[in-house]
Amino acid sequence: MAANMTWQLAIVILVPIIIGVKLDKAYGTKDVWTFVGLGVALIGSGLVMWRAVRAANRLPTIKLTEEQKRAIQKQYEEDDKE
């Protein structure tokens, strides 16, 4: 899931900024389209991260009994003593 989000972020951030730079060069504007691309990239990256968090929240979680929790806590305490 992290690798998928990494590729999505790379595309969502790089593509609008690169297009903005090329538009600035083509029209002779001074970084206007680059900043527009940056704004689009920020909005897009927020959406990618929001979708990733929603997908992560849908993953199943393990429900432990109180006995299992105590056993894990005891193991942590034993590991800390070493």
C-alpha atoms as a PDB file:
ATOM      1  CA  MET A   1       0.000   0.000   0.000  1.00  0.00           C
ATOM      2  CA  ALA A   2       2.874   2.379   0.785  1.00  0.00           C
ATOM      3  CA  ALA A   3       4.537   1.732  -2.573  1.00  0.00           C
ATOM      4  CA  ASN A   4       1.268   2.436  -4.363  1.00  0.00           C
ATOM      5  CA  MET A   5       0.861   5.719  -2.496  1.00  0.00           C
ATOM      6  CA  THR A   6       4.488   6.653  -3.262  1.00  0.00           C
ATOM      7  CA  TRP A   7       3.973   6.287  -7.011  1.00  0.00           C
ATOM      8  CA  GLN A   8       0.704   8.175  -6.880  1.00  0.00           C
ATOM      9  CA  LEU A   9       2.319  11.031  -4.961  1.00  0.00           C
ATOM     10  CA  ALA A  10       5.262  11.166  -7.371  1.00  0.00           C
ATOM     11  CA  ILE A  11       2.958  11.450 -10.358  1.00  0.00           C
ATOM     12  CA  VAL A  12       0.521  13.878  -8.719  1.00  0.00           C
ATOM     13  CA  ILE A  13       3.351  16.188  -7.622  1.00  0.00           C
ATOM     14  CA  LEU A  14       5.754  16.024 -10.553  1.00  0.00           C
ATOM     15  CA  VAL A  15       3.377  16.153 -13.519  1.00  0.00           C
ATOM     16  CA  PRO A  16       1.615  19.459 -12.684  1.00  0.00           C
ATOM     17  CA  ILE A  17       4.870  21.177 -11.742  1.00  0.00           C
ATOM     18  CA  ILE A  18       6.662  20.004 -14.909  1.00  0.00           C
ATOM     19  CA  ILE A  19       3.700  21.103 -17.038  1.00  0.00           C
ATOM     20  CA  GLY A  20       3.747  24.486 -15.257  1.00  0.00           C
ATOM     21  CA  VAL A  21       7.457  24.944 -15.994  1.00  0.00           C
ATOM     22  CA  LYS A  22       6.941  24.064 -19.661  1.00  0.00           C
ATOM     23  CA  LEU A  23       3.994  26.459 -19.940  1.00  0.00           C
ATOM     24  CA  ASP A  24       6.075  29.237 -18.369  1.00  0.00           C
ATOM     25  CA  LYS A  25       8.827  28.650 -20.924  1.00  0.00           C
ATOM     26  CA  ALA A  26       6.344  28.481 -23.822  1.00  0.00           C
ATOM     27  CA  TYR A  27       4.420  31.647 -22.907  1.00  0.00           C
ATOM     28  CA  GLY A  28       7.274  33.595 -21.357  1.00  0.00           C
ATOM     29  CA  THR A  29       5.486  34.016 -18.058  1.00  0.00           C
ATOM     30  CA  LYS A  30       7.584  34.262 -14.962  1.00  0.00           C
ATOM     31  CA  ASP A  31       6.790  31.235 -12.756  1.00  0.00           C
ATOM     32  CA  VAL A  32       3.031  31.836 -12.856  1.00  0.00           C
ATOM     33  CA  TRP A  33       2.151  28.424 -14.274  1.00  0.00           C
ATOM     34  CA  THR A  34       4.754  26.741 -12.085  1.00  0.00           C
ATOM     35  CA  PHE A  35       2.986  28.035  -8.986  1.00  0.00           C
ATOM     36  CA  VAL A  36      -0.383  27.023 -10.420  1.00  0.00           C
ATOM     37  CA  GLY A  37       1.095  23.551 -10.957  1.00  0.00           C
ATOM     38  CA  LEU A  38       2.380  23.581  -7.393  1.00  0.00           C
ATOM     39  CA  GLY A  39      -1.105  24.401  -6.128  1.00  0.00           C
ATOM     40  CA  VAL A  40      -2.597  21.591  -8.175  1.00  0.00           C
ATOM     41  CA  ALA A  41       0.130  19.268  -6.843  1.00  0.00           C
ATOM     42  CA  LEU A  42      -0.651  20.206  -3.235  1.00  0.00           C
ATOM     43  CA  ILE A  43      -4.357  19.558  -3.696  1.00  0.00           C
ATOM     44  CA  GLY A  44      -3.668  16.304  -5.518  1.00  0.00           C
ATOM     45  CA  SER A  45      -1.233  15.060  -2.880  1.00  0.00           C
ATOM     46  CA  GLY A  46      -3.778  15.809  -0.174  1.00  0.00           C
ATOM     47  CA  LEU A  47      -6.354  13.728  -2.044  1.00  0.00           C
ATOM     48  CA  VAL A  48      -3.910  10.837  -2.491  1.00  0.00           C
ATOM     49  CA  MET A  49      -3.076  10.843   1.202  1.00  0.00           C
ATOM     50  CA  TRP A  50      -6.755  11.087   2.163  1.00  0.00           C
ATOM     51  CA  ARG A  51      -7.553   8.056  -0.019  1.00  0.00           C
ATOM     52  CA  ALA A  52      -4.634   6.121   1.505  1.00  0.00           C
ATOM     53  CA  VAL A  53      -5.833   6.843   5.040  1.00  0.00           C
ATOM     54  CA  ARG A  54      -9.366   5.757   4.148  1.00  0.00           C
ATOM     55  CA  ALA A  55      -8.032   2.521   2.623  1.00  0.00           C
ATOM     56  CA  ALA A  56      -5.872   1.860   5.694  1.00  0.00           C
ATOM     57  CA  ASN A  57      -8.841   2.381   7.995  1.00  0.00           C
ATOM     58  CA  ARG A  58     -10.774  -0.304   6.111  1.00  0.00           C
ATOM     59  CA  LEU A  59      -8.106  -2.944   6.815  1.00  0.00           C
ATOM     60  CA  PRO A  60      -9.143  -5.592   9.329  1.00  0.00           C
ATOM     61  CA  THR A  61      -7.691  -5.382  12.820  1.00  0.00           C
ATOM     62  CA  ILE A  62      -6.930  -8.189  15.208  1.00  0.00           C
ATOM     63  CA  LYS A  63      -9.075  -8.261  18.334  1.00  0.00           C
ATOM     64  CA  LEU A  64      -7.129  -9.573  21.341  1.00  0.00           C
ATOM     65  CA  THR A  65      -8.612 -10.978  24.489  1.00  0.00           C
ATOM     66  CA  GLU A  66      -7.580  -9.562  27.849  1.00  0.00           C
ATOM     67  CA  GLU A  67      -5.482 -12.675  28.480  1.00  0.00           C
ATOM     68  CA  GLN A  68      -3.605 -12.189  25.195  1.00  0.00           C
ATOM     69  CA  LYS A  69      -3.016  -8.519  26.013  1.00  0.00           C
ATOM     70  CA  ARG A  70      -1.583  -9.436  29.432  1.00  0.00           C
ATOM     71  CA  ALA A  71       0.694 -12.050  27.851  1.00  0.00           C
ATOM     72  CA  ILE A  72       2.014  -9.525  25.342  1.00  0.00           C
ATOM     73  CA  GLN A  73       2.539  -6.931  28.083  1.00  0.00           C
ATOM     74  CA  LYS A  74       4.402  -9.495  30.181  1.00  0.00           C
ATOM     75  CA  GLN A  75       6.641 -10.357  27.221  1.00  0.00           C
ATOM     76  CA  TYR A  76       7.421  -6.656  26.671  1.00  0.00           C
ATOM     77  CA  GLU A  77       8.336  -6.268  30.333  1.00  0.00           C
ATOM     78  CA  GLU A  78      10.610  -9.316  30.177  1.00  0.00           C
ATOM     79  CA  ASP A  79      12.281  -7.991  27.027  1.00  0.00           C
ATOM     80  CA  ASP A  80      12.870  -4.625  28.730  1.00  0.00           C
ATOM     81  CA  LYS A  81      14.646  -6.310  31.651  1.00  0.00           C
ATOM     82  CA  GLU A  82      17.175  -7.898  29.293  1.00  0.00           C
END
